[in-house]
Protein backbone atom coordinates (compact mmCIF):
# COMPACT_ATOMS: atom_id res chain seq x y z
CA UNK A 1 5.33 5.81 -5.97
CA UNK A 2 7.20 7.08 -2.93
CA UNK A 3 5.79 4.62 -0.53
CA UNK A 4 7.43 1.61 -2.26
CA UNK A 5 10.67 3.29 -2.33
CA UNK A 6 12.92 1.04 -0.28
CA UNK A 7 14.13 4.31 1.78
CA UNK A 8 10.79 5.57 2.57
CA UNK A 9 9.40 5.86 5.73
CA UNK A 10 6.56 3.40 4.92
CA UNK A 11 9.19 0.69 3.98
CA UNK A 12 11.06 1.53 7.02
CA UNK A 13 8.08 0.90 9.20
CA UNK A 14 7.28 -2.21 7.52
CA UNK A 15 10.87 -3.62 7.86
CA UNK A 16 10.66 -2.59 11.57
CA UNK A 17 7.33 -4.43 12.13
CA UNK A 18 8.70 -7.60 10.49
CA UNK A 19 11.57 -7.39 12.55
CA UNK A 20 9.54 -7.11 15.71
CA UNK A 21 7.46 -9.96 14.77
CA UNK A 22 10.00 -12.34 13.36
CA UNK A 23 10.37 -14.15 16.86
CA UNK A 24 6.72 -14.65 17.05
CA UNK A 25 6.70 -16.31 13.46
CA UNK A 26 9.69 -18.56 14.46
CA UNK A 27 8.00 -19.48 17.83
CA UNK A 28 4.78 -20.49 15.91
CA UNK A 29 6.57 -22.56 13.49
CA UNK A 30 8.35 -24.41 16.06
CA UNK A 31 5.36 -25.05 18.16
CA UNK A 32 3.85 -26.58 15.13
CA UNK A 33 6.74 -28.78 14.29
CA UNK A 34 6.89 -29.82 18.10
CA UNK A 35 3.16 -30.62 18.01
CA UNK A 36 3.64 -32.63 14.90
CA UNK A 37 6.77 -34.50 16.01
CA UNK A 38 5.02 -35.27 19.28
CA UNK A 39 1.85 -36.65 17.87
CA UNK A 40 3.86 -38.65 15.53
CA UNK A 41 6.31 -40.07 17.95
CA UNK A 42 3.49 -40.93 20.51
CA UNK A 43 1.23 -42.45 17.85
CA UNK A 44 4.39 -44.61 16.92
CA UNK A 45 4.95 -45.54 20.58
CA UNK A 46 1.25 -46.16 21.39
CA UNK A 47 1.03 -48.73 18.56
CA UNK A 48 3.46 -50.88 20.18
CA UNK A 49 2.83 -52.41 23.47
CA UNK A 50 5.86 -53.24 25.59
CA UNK A 51 4.94 -56.07 28.17
CA UNK A 52 1.17 -55.33 27.53
CA UNK A 53 1.62 -51.94 29.09
CA UNK A 54 -0.65 -49.32 27.91
CA UNK A 55 -0.01 -45.59 28.68
CA UNK A 56 -2.98 -43.50 29.33
CA UNK A 57 -1.22 -40.52 28.51
CA UNK A 58 -0.30 -41.54 25.15
CA UNK A 59 -3.83 -42.79 24.46
CA UNK A 60 -5.27 -39.14 25.39
CA UNK A 61 -2.73 -37.22 23.78
CA UNK A 62 -2.83 -39.07 20.48
CA UNK A 63 -6.56 -40.32 20.69
CA UNK A 64 -8.17 -42.82 18.59
CA UNK A 65 -9.50 -43.26 15.12
CA UNK A 66 -12.69 -41.52 16.41
CA UNK A 67 -10.96 -38.58 17.98
CA UNK A 68 -7.89 -36.74 17.22
CA UNK A 69 -6.37 -36.44 20.86
CA UNK A 70 -5.47 -33.76 22.80
CA UNK A 71 -2.57 -33.07 20.47
CA UNK A 72 -4.62 -32.88 17.79
CA UNK A 73 -7.12 -30.53 19.41
CA UNK A 74 -4.18 -28.28 20.47
CA UNK A 75 -2.99 -28.16 16.95
CA UNK A 76 -6.50 -27.46 15.40
CA UNK A 77 -7.21 -24.71 18.08
CA UNK A 78 -3.61 -22.95 17.39
CA UNK A 79 -4.51 -23.16 13.65
CA UNK A 80 -7.74 -21.42 14.17
CA UNK A 81 -6.34 -18.91 16.59
CA UNK A 82 -5.49 -15.21 16.24
CA UNK A 83 -1.93 -16.22 16.49
CA UNK A 84 -1.97 -18.24 13.42
CA UNK A 85 -3.79 -15.20 11.49
CA UNK A 86 -0.85 -13.08 12.80
CA UNK A 87 1.75 -15.45 11.48
CA UNK A 88 -0.10 -15.68 8.13
CA UNK A 89 -0.22 -11.91 7.83
CA UNK A 90 3.49 -11.56 8.63
CA UNK A 91 4.30 -14.19 5.94
CA UNK A 92 2.28 -12.47 3.49
CA UNK A 93 3.84 -9.26 4.37
CA UNK A 94 7.33 -10.77 3.94
CA UNK A 95 6.42 -12.45 0.63
CA UNK A 96 4.66 -9.45 -0.97
CA UNK A 97 6.65 -6.57 0.54
CA UNK A 98 10.29 -7.67 0.46
CA UNK A 99 12.88 -8.64 -2.00
CA UNK A 100 11.80 -9.43 -5.76
CA UNK A 101 8.09 -8.66 -4.96
CA UNK A 102 8.93 -5.38 -3.93
CA UNK A 103 11.07 -4.88 -7.02
CA UNK A 104 8.15 -5.98 -9.21
CA UNK A 105 5.71 -3.76 -7.50
CA UNK A 106 8.04 -0.79 -7.95
CA UNK A 107 8.78 -1.30 -11.34
CA UNK A 108 4.88 -1.76 -12.18
CA UNK A 109 4.22 1.72 -10.43
CA UNK A 110 6.99 3.29 -12.52
CA UNK A 111 5.49 1.94 -15.46
CA UNK A 112 2.17 2.96 -14.88
CA UNK A 113 3.35 6.51 -13.93
CA UNK A 114 5.05 6.84 -17.20
CA UNK A 115 1.88 5.66 -18.94
CA UNK A 116 -0.28 8.05 -17.02
CA UNK A 117 2.36 10.73 -17.94
CA UNK A 118 2.07 10.02 -21.56
CA UNK A 119 -1.77 9.99 -21.46
CA UNK A 120 -1.83 13.40 -19.56
CA UNK A 121 0.53 14.60 -22.39
CA UNK A 122 -1.91 13.38 -24.91
CA UNK A 123 -5.06 14.77 -23.28
CA UNK A 124 -3.21 18.22 -22.79
CA UNK A 125 -2.25 18.31 -26.25
CA UNK A 126 -5.65 17.47 -27.50
CA UNK A 127 -7.23 20.24 -25.30
CA UNK A 128 -4.75 22.88 -26.49
CA UNK A 129 -5.13 21.90 -30.03
CA UNK A 130 -8.81 21.72 -29.65
CA UNK A 131 -8.89 25.20 -28.00
CA UNK A 132 -6.67 26.79 -30.60
CA UNK A 133 -9.11 25.74 -33.35
């Protein structure tokens, strides 16, 4: 029960870790947005030929229908990497250990503690009554 207390050492450690990894999560989100933006922009530009000029960089970066191109591969590899896993862990920790999720967990632990105390009291009473008879 003390582990979920907002002022506990465990929660202080969680907040400190989340603060330390916040920049990483922001950087990963920005990288994915930039890759998506660049891929969309180059696909748009690559679909229009100006004076029959074809840019080989755009063609390689975006790819064709058969391949995802370099940007698609970069995005895929990034999403499969440990960096994406760390980002997911950080997001899960934020969603489950902060704000209302933490409050919900705390109240569930309190209710469970009260139920266990009532159960313990009942069992002790039964044993005492059984021993007295």
